[in-house]
Amino acid sequence: MGKEEQTPSESEWMVMEILWASESSMTSKEVIHELRKQNSMTPKMVRVLINRLCEKGLLSYTVDPDDKRVYHYSVTKSKEDCLKEKSKRFVDSYFSGNTAAAATNAMAALLQSFAMTDEQIRELEEILEKSKEQKKE
């Protein structure tokens, strides 16, 4: 599969958010129940999204030992890893490739698009410091 296929789409991301927040695996019925609290997505659509996420390798499943019709789903990729891949895809597709200049332009465009709180600025400064330290190593 290509890299684009390895990150969740916007709809798939909603399913992943539910599973990332869970401390254990979940059945499709449980995912549907949680999603219905915040979205009107049909149960059939949720199952389609879960299947796509399994095909992409972002979810894995085990079969319930007591009922072979029930699958328990769990994430195989962290939210942080998915965010990194999604960000890289964004830079690659909207800022002409994986160059330092493109990455800088992407970051500048994002930062200029909204007002940041003092806490967000501190977090960004910490990220930049970690990046500087990694570069030195």
N, C-alpha and C. Protein backbone atom coordinates (compact mmCIF):
# COMPACT_ATOMS: atom_id res chain seq x y z
N MET A 1 0.82 -1.19 0.00
CA MET A 1 0.00 0.00 0.00
C MET A 1 0.86 1.25 0.00
N GLY A 2 0.36 2.29 -0.62
CA GLY A 2 1.09 3.56 -0.65
C GLY A 2 0.99 4.27 0.67
N LYS A 3 1.85 5.26 0.85
CA LYS A 3 1.85 6.00 2.10
C LYS A 3 0.53 6.68 2.38
N GLU A 4 -0.11 7.19 1.33
CA GLU A 4 -1.39 7.89 1.52
C GLU A 4 -2.42 6.98 2.16
N GLU A 5 -2.34 5.71 1.86
CA GLU A 5 -3.32 4.76 2.37
C GLU A 5 -3.07 4.40 3.84
N GLN A 6 -1.94 4.83 4.38
CA GLN A 6 -1.58 4.44 5.74
C GLN A 6 -2.10 5.38 6.81
N THR A 7 -2.68 6.49 6.42
CA THR A 7 -3.23 7.41 7.41
C THR A 7 -4.74 7.43 7.31
N PRO A 8 -5.41 7.64 8.43
CA PRO A 8 -6.88 7.64 8.40
C PRO A 8 -7.44 8.88 7.71
N SER A 9 -8.55 8.67 6.98
CA SER A 9 -9.28 9.78 6.40
C SER A 9 -9.97 10.53 7.54
N GLU A 10 -10.65 11.63 7.20
CA GLU A 10 -11.33 12.41 8.23
C GLU A 10 -12.38 11.57 8.97
N SER A 11 -13.18 10.80 8.23
CA SER A 11 -14.20 9.96 8.87
C SER A 11 -13.57 8.84 9.67
N GLU A 12 -12.52 8.23 9.12
CA GLU A 12 -11.83 7.15 9.84
C GLU A 12 -11.18 7.68 11.11
N TRP A 13 -10.75 8.93 11.07
CA TRP A 13 -10.10 9.55 12.24
C TRP A 13 -11.06 9.55 13.43
N MET A 14 -12.35 9.79 13.18
CA MET A 14 -13.33 9.79 14.28
C MET A 14 -13.38 8.43 14.96
N VAL A 15 -13.32 7.37 14.17
CA VAL A 15 -13.31 6.01 14.72
C VAL A 15 -12.02 5.80 15.53
N MET A 16 -10.90 6.23 14.96
CA MET A 16 -9.63 6.08 15.65
C MET A 16 -9.62 6.82 16.98
N GLU A 17 -10.20 8.02 17.02
CA GLU A 17 -10.25 8.80 18.26
C GLU A 17 -10.93 7.99 19.38
N ILE A 18 -12.02 7.32 19.04
CA ILE A 18 -12.74 6.50 20.02
C ILE A 18 -11.83 5.39 20.53
N LEU A 19 -11.14 4.73 19.60
CA LEU A 19 -10.27 3.61 20.00
C LEU A 19 -9.01 4.08 20.72
N TRP A 20 -8.46 5.22 20.32
CA TRP A 20 -7.29 5.75 21.03
C TRP A 20 -7.66 6.09 22.47
N ALA A 21 -8.87 6.58 22.68
CA ALA A 21 -9.31 6.97 24.02
C ALA A 21 -9.62 5.76 24.90
N SER A 22 -9.86 4.63 24.29
CA SER A 22 -10.21 3.43 25.05
C SER A 22 -8.95 2.81 25.66
N GLU A 23 -9.12 2.28 26.84
CA GLU A 23 -7.98 1.64 27.49
C GLU A 23 -7.88 0.15 27.14
N SER A 24 -8.86 -0.33 26.37
CA SER A 24 -8.83 -1.72 25.93
C SER A 24 -9.46 -1.81 24.55
N SER A 25 -9.46 -3.02 24.00
CA SER A 25 -10.07 -3.19 22.69
C SER A 25 -11.58 -2.97 22.80
N MET A 26 -12.20 -2.72 21.65
CA MET A 26 -13.65 -2.45 21.62
C MET A 26 -14.29 -3.24 20.49
N THR A 27 -15.53 -3.59 20.65
CA THR A 27 -16.29 -4.21 19.57
C THR A 27 -16.84 -3.10 18.68
N SER A 28 -17.29 -3.47 17.49
CA SER A 28 -17.87 -2.46 16.60
C SER A 28 -19.12 -1.85 17.24
N LYS A 29 -19.85 -2.67 17.97
CA LYS A 29 -21.06 -2.17 18.65
C LYS A 29 -20.70 -1.09 19.66
N GLU A 30 -19.62 -1.29 20.40
CA GLU A 30 -19.17 -0.30 21.38
C GLU A 30 -18.68 0.99 20.70
N VAL A 31 -17.96 0.83 19.59
CA VAL A 31 -17.49 2.00 18.84
C VAL A 31 -18.69 2.79 18.31
N ILE A 32 -19.66 2.07 17.75
CA ILE A 32 -20.88 2.72 17.23
C ILE A 32 -21.59 3.48 18.34
N HIS A 33 -21.71 2.86 19.50
CA HIS A 33 -22.38 3.50 20.64
C HIS A 33 -21.67 4.81 21.02
N GLU A 34 -20.35 4.78 21.08
CA GLU A 34 -19.59 5.98 21.44
C GLU A 34 -19.70 7.06 20.36
N LEU A 35 -19.63 6.66 19.10
CA LEU A 35 -19.72 7.63 18.01
C LEU A 35 -21.09 8.28 17.94
N ARG A 36 -22.13 7.53 18.25
CA ARG A 36 -23.50 8.07 18.16
C ARG A 36 -23.71 9.20 19.16
N LYS A 37 -22.90 9.26 20.20
CA LYS A 37 -23.00 10.35 21.18
C LYS A 37 -22.62 11.70 20.56
N GLN A 38 -21.77 11.66 19.52
CA GLN A 38 -21.25 12.90 18.95
C GLN A 38 -21.49 13.04 17.45
N ASN A 39 -22.03 12.00 16.82
CA ASN A 39 -22.15 12.00 15.37
C ASN A 39 -23.34 11.15 14.96
N SER A 40 -23.92 11.44 13.83
CA SER A 40 -25.09 10.68 13.37
C SER A 40 -24.71 9.61 12.34
N MET A 41 -23.47 9.19 12.34
CA MET A 41 -23.00 8.18 11.41
C MET A 41 -23.77 6.87 11.61
N THR A 42 -24.16 6.24 10.52
CA THR A 42 -24.92 4.99 10.61
C THR A 42 -24.01 3.85 11.07
N PRO A 43 -24.60 2.85 11.73
CA PRO A 43 -23.81 1.68 12.13
C PRO A 43 -23.11 1.02 10.94
N LYS A 44 -23.78 0.94 9.80
CA LYS A 44 -23.18 0.33 8.62
C LYS A 44 -21.93 1.10 8.19
N MET A 45 -22.01 2.44 8.20
CA MET A 45 -20.86 3.25 7.82
C MET A 45 -19.70 3.06 8.79
N VAL A 46 -19.99 2.97 10.07
CA VAL A 46 -18.93 2.76 11.06
C VAL A 46 -18.24 1.43 10.79
N ARG A 47 -19.00 0.40 10.48
CA ARG A 47 -18.41 -0.90 10.18
C ARG A 47 -17.54 -0.84 8.93
N VAL A 48 -17.98 -0.09 7.93
CA VAL A 48 -17.18 0.08 6.71
C VAL A 48 -15.86 0.77 7.06
N LEU A 49 -15.92 1.80 7.88
CA LEU A 49 -14.71 2.53 8.28
C LEU A 49 -13.77 1.62 9.08
N ILE A 50 -14.32 0.82 9.96
CA ILE A 50 -13.50 -0.11 10.75
C ILE A 50 -12.79 -1.09 9.81
N ASN A 51 -13.52 -1.60 8.82
CA ASN A 51 -12.91 -2.53 7.86
C ASN A 51 -11.78 -1.86 7.08
N ARG A 52 -11.99 -0.62 6.67
CA ARG A 52 -10.95 0.12 5.94
C ARG A 52 -9.71 0.30 6.81
N LEU A 53 -9.94 0.63 8.08
CA LEU A 53 -8.82 0.83 9.00
C LEU A 53 -8.05 -0.47 9.22
N CYS A 54 -8.75 -1.58 9.23
CA CYS A 54 -8.08 -2.89 9.33
C CYS A 54 -7.25 -3.15 8.07
N GLU A 55 -7.81 -2.84 6.91
CA GLU A 55 -7.09 -3.03 5.64
C GLU A 55 -5.84 -2.18 5.58
N LYS A 56 -5.90 -0.99 6.15
CA LYS A 56 -4.75 -0.08 6.17
C LYS A 56 -3.73 -0.50 7.22
N GLY A 57 -4.09 -1.44 8.07
CA GLY A 57 -3.18 -1.88 9.13
C GLY A 57 -3.18 -0.97 10.34
N LEU A 58 -4.18 -0.10 10.45
CA LEU A 58 -4.25 0.82 11.59
C LEU A 58 -5.01 0.21 12.76
N LEU A 59 -5.81 -0.81 12.48
CA LEU A 59 -6.51 -1.55 13.52
C LEU A 59 -6.21 -3.03 13.36
N SER A 60 -6.21 -3.72 14.47
CA SER A 60 -6.13 -5.17 14.44
C SER A 60 -7.35 -5.68 15.21
N TYR A 61 -7.61 -6.97 15.13
CA TYR A 61 -8.76 -7.50 15.83
C TYR A 61 -8.50 -8.92 16.31
N THR A 62 -9.25 -9.29 17.31
CA THR A 62 -9.28 -10.67 17.78
C THR A 62 -10.74 -11.10 17.78
N VAL A 63 -10.96 -12.40 17.59
CA VAL A 63 -12.31 -12.93 17.58
C VAL A 63 -12.67 -13.31 19.00
N ASP A 64 -13.88 -12.96 19.42
CA ASP A 64 -14.36 -13.27 20.76
C ASP A 64 -14.41 -14.79 20.93
N PRO A 65 -13.82 -15.32 21.99
CA PRO A 65 -13.82 -16.78 22.18
C PRO A 65 -15.21 -17.36 22.45
N ASP A 66 -16.12 -16.53 22.94
CA ASP A 66 -17.46 -17.01 23.25
C ASP A 66 -18.45 -16.81 22.11
N ASP A 67 -18.14 -15.93 21.18
CA ASP A 67 -19.04 -15.66 20.06
C ASP A 67 -18.20 -15.28 18.85
N LYS A 68 -18.04 -16.21 17.93
CA LYS A 68 -17.18 -16.03 16.76
C LYS A 68 -17.64 -14.90 15.84
N ARG A 69 -18.84 -14.38 16.04
CA ARG A 69 -19.35 -13.27 15.22
C ARG A 69 -18.90 -11.92 15.76
N VAL A 70 -18.32 -11.89 16.95
CA VAL A 70 -17.92 -10.63 17.60
C VAL A 70 -16.40 -10.47 17.50
N TYR A 71 -15.98 -9.30 16.99
CA TYR A 71 -14.57 -8.98 16.87
C TYR A 71 -14.24 -7.86 17.85
N HIS A 72 -13.04 -7.93 18.43
CA HIS A 72 -12.55 -6.91 19.35
C HIS A 72 -11.42 -6.17 18.64
N TYR A 73 -11.61 -4.86 18.44
CA TYR A 73 -10.66 -4.05 17.67
C TYR A 73 -9.75 -3.25 18.59
N SER A 74 -8.50 -3.11 18.16
CA SER A 74 -7.56 -2.27 18.89
C SER A 74 -6.64 -1.58 17.89
N VAL A 75 -6.08 -0.45 18.29
CA VAL A 75 -5.22 0.33 17.39
C VAL A 75 -3.84 -0.31 17.29
N THR A 76 -3.24 -0.15 16.12
CA THR A 76 -1.88 -0.66 15.92
C THR A 76 -0.89 0.48 15.74
N LYS A 77 -1.40 1.70 15.61
CA LYS A 77 -0.54 2.87 15.41
C LYS A 77 -1.01 3.98 16.34
N SER A 78 -0.07 4.60 17.01
CA SER A 78 -0.43 5.66 17.96
C SER A 78 -0.96 6.90 17.25
N LYS A 79 -1.68 7.70 18.00
CA LYS A 79 -2.19 8.96 17.47
C LYS A 79 -1.04 9.85 17.03
N GLU A 80 0.04 9.86 17.82
CA GLU A 80 1.19 10.69 17.50
C GLU A 80 1.81 10.29 16.17
N ASP A 81 1.94 8.98 15.92
CA ASP A 81 2.50 8.51 14.65
C ASP A 81 1.60 8.90 13.48
N CYS A 82 0.30 8.77 13.67
CA CYS A 82 -0.65 9.15 12.61
C CYS A 82 -0.60 10.64 12.34
N LEU A 83 -0.47 11.45 13.40
CA LEU A 83 -0.37 12.90 13.22
C LEU A 83 0.91 13.28 12.46
N LYS A 84 2.01 12.59 12.78
CA LYS A 84 3.27 12.87 12.07
C LYS A 84 3.13 12.54 10.59
N GLU A 85 2.54 11.39 10.29
CA GLU A 85 2.36 11.00 8.88
C GLU A 85 1.41 11.95 8.16
N LYS A 86 0.34 12.33 8.84
CA LYS A 86 -0.63 13.25 8.23
C LYS A 86 0.02 14.60 7.95
N SER A 87 0.83 15.08 8.88
CA SER A 87 1.54 16.35 8.70
C SER A 87 2.51 16.27 7.53
N LYS A 88 3.23 15.17 7.45
CA LYS A 88 4.19 14.99 6.35
C LYS A 88 3.46 14.96 5.01
N ARG A 89 2.34 14.25 4.95
CA ARG A 89 1.54 14.22 3.72
C ARG A 89 1.07 15.61 3.33
N PHE A 90 0.65 16.38 4.34
CA PHE A 90 0.19 17.75 4.10
C PHE A 90 1.30 18.58 3.47
N VAL A 91 2.48 18.52 4.06
CA VAL A 91 3.61 19.28 3.55
C VAL A 91 3.95 18.81 2.14
N ASP A 92 4.01 17.50 1.93
CA ASP A 92 4.35 16.96 0.61
C ASP A 92 3.37 17.40 -0.47
N SER A 93 2.09 17.39 -0.14
CA SER A 93 1.11 17.68 -1.18
C SER A 93 0.82 19.17 -1.36
N TYR A 94 0.95 19.97 -0.32
CA TYR A 94 0.59 21.39 -0.44
C TYR A 94 1.76 22.35 -0.51
N PHE A 95 2.94 21.86 -0.21
CA PHE A 95 4.10 22.75 -0.21
C PHE A 95 5.25 22.17 -1.02
N SER A 96 4.91 21.51 -2.10
CA SER A 96 5.87 21.06 -3.12
C SER A 96 7.00 20.19 -2.60
N GLY A 97 6.67 19.16 -1.91
CA GLY A 97 7.67 18.16 -1.59
C GLY A 97 8.27 18.24 -0.22
N ASN A 98 9.21 17.35 -0.01
CA ASN A 98 9.82 17.16 1.30
C ASN A 98 11.14 17.93 1.40
N THR A 99 11.09 19.22 1.20
CA THR A 99 12.29 20.04 1.34
C THR A 99 12.18 20.86 2.62
N ALA A 100 13.31 21.31 3.08
CA ALA A 100 13.31 22.12 4.30
C ALA A 100 12.50 23.40 4.10
N ALA A 101 12.61 24.00 2.92
CA ALA A 101 11.86 25.23 2.64
C ALA A 101 10.36 24.96 2.66
N ALA A 102 9.93 23.82 2.08
CA ALA A 102 8.51 23.49 2.06
C ALA A 102 7.99 23.28 3.48
N ALA A 103 8.77 22.60 4.31
CA ALA A 103 8.36 22.37 5.69
C ALA A 103 8.26 23.70 6.45
N THR A 104 9.23 24.57 6.23
CA THR A 104 9.20 25.89 6.89
C THR A 104 7.99 26.69 6.44
N ASN A 105 7.70 26.68 5.13
CA ASN A 105 6.52 27.39 4.62
C ASN A 105 5.23 26.83 5.22
N ALA A 106 5.16 25.51 5.34
CA ALA A 106 3.96 24.88 5.90
C ALA A 106 3.78 25.29 7.35
N MET A 107 4.86 25.25 8.12
CA MET A 107 4.76 25.63 9.53
C MET A 107 4.38 27.09 9.68
N ALA A 108 4.98 27.94 8.88
CA ALA A 108 4.67 29.37 8.96
C ALA A 108 3.20 29.62 8.61
N ALA A 109 2.70 28.96 7.57
CA ALA A 109 1.30 29.14 7.17
C ALA A 109 0.36 28.69 8.27
N LEU A 110 0.66 27.57 8.89
CA LEU A 110 -0.19 27.07 9.97
C LEU A 110 -0.17 28.01 11.17
N LEU A 111 1.00 28.47 11.55
CA LEU A 111 1.12 29.34 12.72
C LEU A 111 0.44 30.68 12.51
N GLN A 112 0.45 31.16 11.28
CA GLN A 112 -0.16 32.45 10.99
C GLN A 112 -1.67 32.36 10.82
N SER A 113 -2.20 31.15 10.77
CA SER A 113 -3.63 30.99 10.50
C SER A 113 -4.50 31.10 11.76
N PHE A 114 -3.90 31.12 12.94
CA PHE A 114 -4.69 31.26 14.17
C PHE A 114 -3.84 31.86 15.29
N ALA A 115 -4.54 32.44 16.25
CA ALA A 115 -3.86 33.03 17.41
C ALA A 115 -3.55 31.92 18.42
N MET A 116 -2.33 31.91 18.92
CA MET A 116 -1.92 30.89 19.87
C MET A 116 -1.97 31.42 21.30
N THR A 117 -2.30 30.53 22.22
CA THR A 117 -2.27 30.89 23.64
C THR A 117 -0.83 30.85 24.12
N ASP A 118 -0.59 31.42 25.29
CA ASP A 118 0.76 31.38 25.86
C ASP A 118 1.21 29.94 26.08
N GLU A 119 0.29 29.08 26.50
CA GLU A 119 0.64 27.66 26.72
C GLU A 119 1.03 26.98 25.42
N GLN A 120 0.30 27.26 24.35
CA GLN A 120 0.62 26.67 23.04
C GLN A 120 1.98 27.16 22.55
N ILE A 121 2.28 28.42 22.80
CA ILE A 121 3.58 28.97 22.41
C ILE A 121 4.69 28.27 23.18
N ARG A 122 4.49 28.06 24.49
CA ARG A 122 5.50 27.36 25.30
C ARG A 122 5.70 25.93 24.78
N GLU A 123 4.60 25.24 24.45
CA GLU A 123 4.70 23.88 23.92
C GLU A 123 5.49 23.87 22.62
N LEU A 124 5.22 24.83 21.76
CA LEU A 124 5.93 24.93 20.49
C LEU A 124 7.41 25.21 20.72
N GLU A 125 7.71 26.07 21.68
CA GLU A 125 9.11 26.35 22.00
C GLU A 125 9.83 25.10 22.49
N GLU A 126 9.13 24.27 23.30
CA GLU A 126 9.72 23.02 23.78
C GLU A 126 9.99 22.06 22.62
N ILE A 127 9.07 21.99 21.69
CA ILE A 127 9.24 21.14 20.51
C ILE A 127 10.45 21.60 19.70
N LEU A 128 10.57 22.92 19.52
CA LEU A 128 11.70 23.46 18.77
C LEU A 128 13.03 23.18 19.48
N GLU A 129 13.05 23.29 20.79
CA GLU A 129 14.27 22.98 21.55
C GLU A 129 14.64 21.51 21.39
N LYS A 130 13.66 20.63 21.47
CA LYS A 130 13.94 19.19 21.28
C LYS A 130 14.47 18.94 19.89
N SER A 131 13.93 19.63 18.92
CA SER A 131 14.40 19.49 17.53
C SER A 131 15.85 19.94 17.39
N LYS A 132 16.19 21.03 18.07
CA LYS A 132 17.58 21.53 18.04
C LYS A 132 18.52 20.50 18.66
N GLU A 133 18.10 19.92 19.80
CA GLU A 133 18.93 18.93 20.48
C GLU A 133 19.13 17.69 19.61
N GLN A 134 18.08 17.26 18.93
CA GLN A 134 18.20 16.08 18.06
C GLN A 134 19.14 16.35 16.90
N LYS A 135 19.12 17.58 16.41
CA LYS A 135 19.98 17.94 15.28
C LYS A 135 21.46 17.88 15.71
N LYS A 136 21.74 18.24 16.95
CA LYS A 136 23.12 18.26 17.45
C LYS A 136 23.68 16.85 17.61
N GLU A 137 22.77 15.88 17.86
CA GLU A 137 23.22 14.50 18.13
C GLU A 137 23.71 13.78 16.92
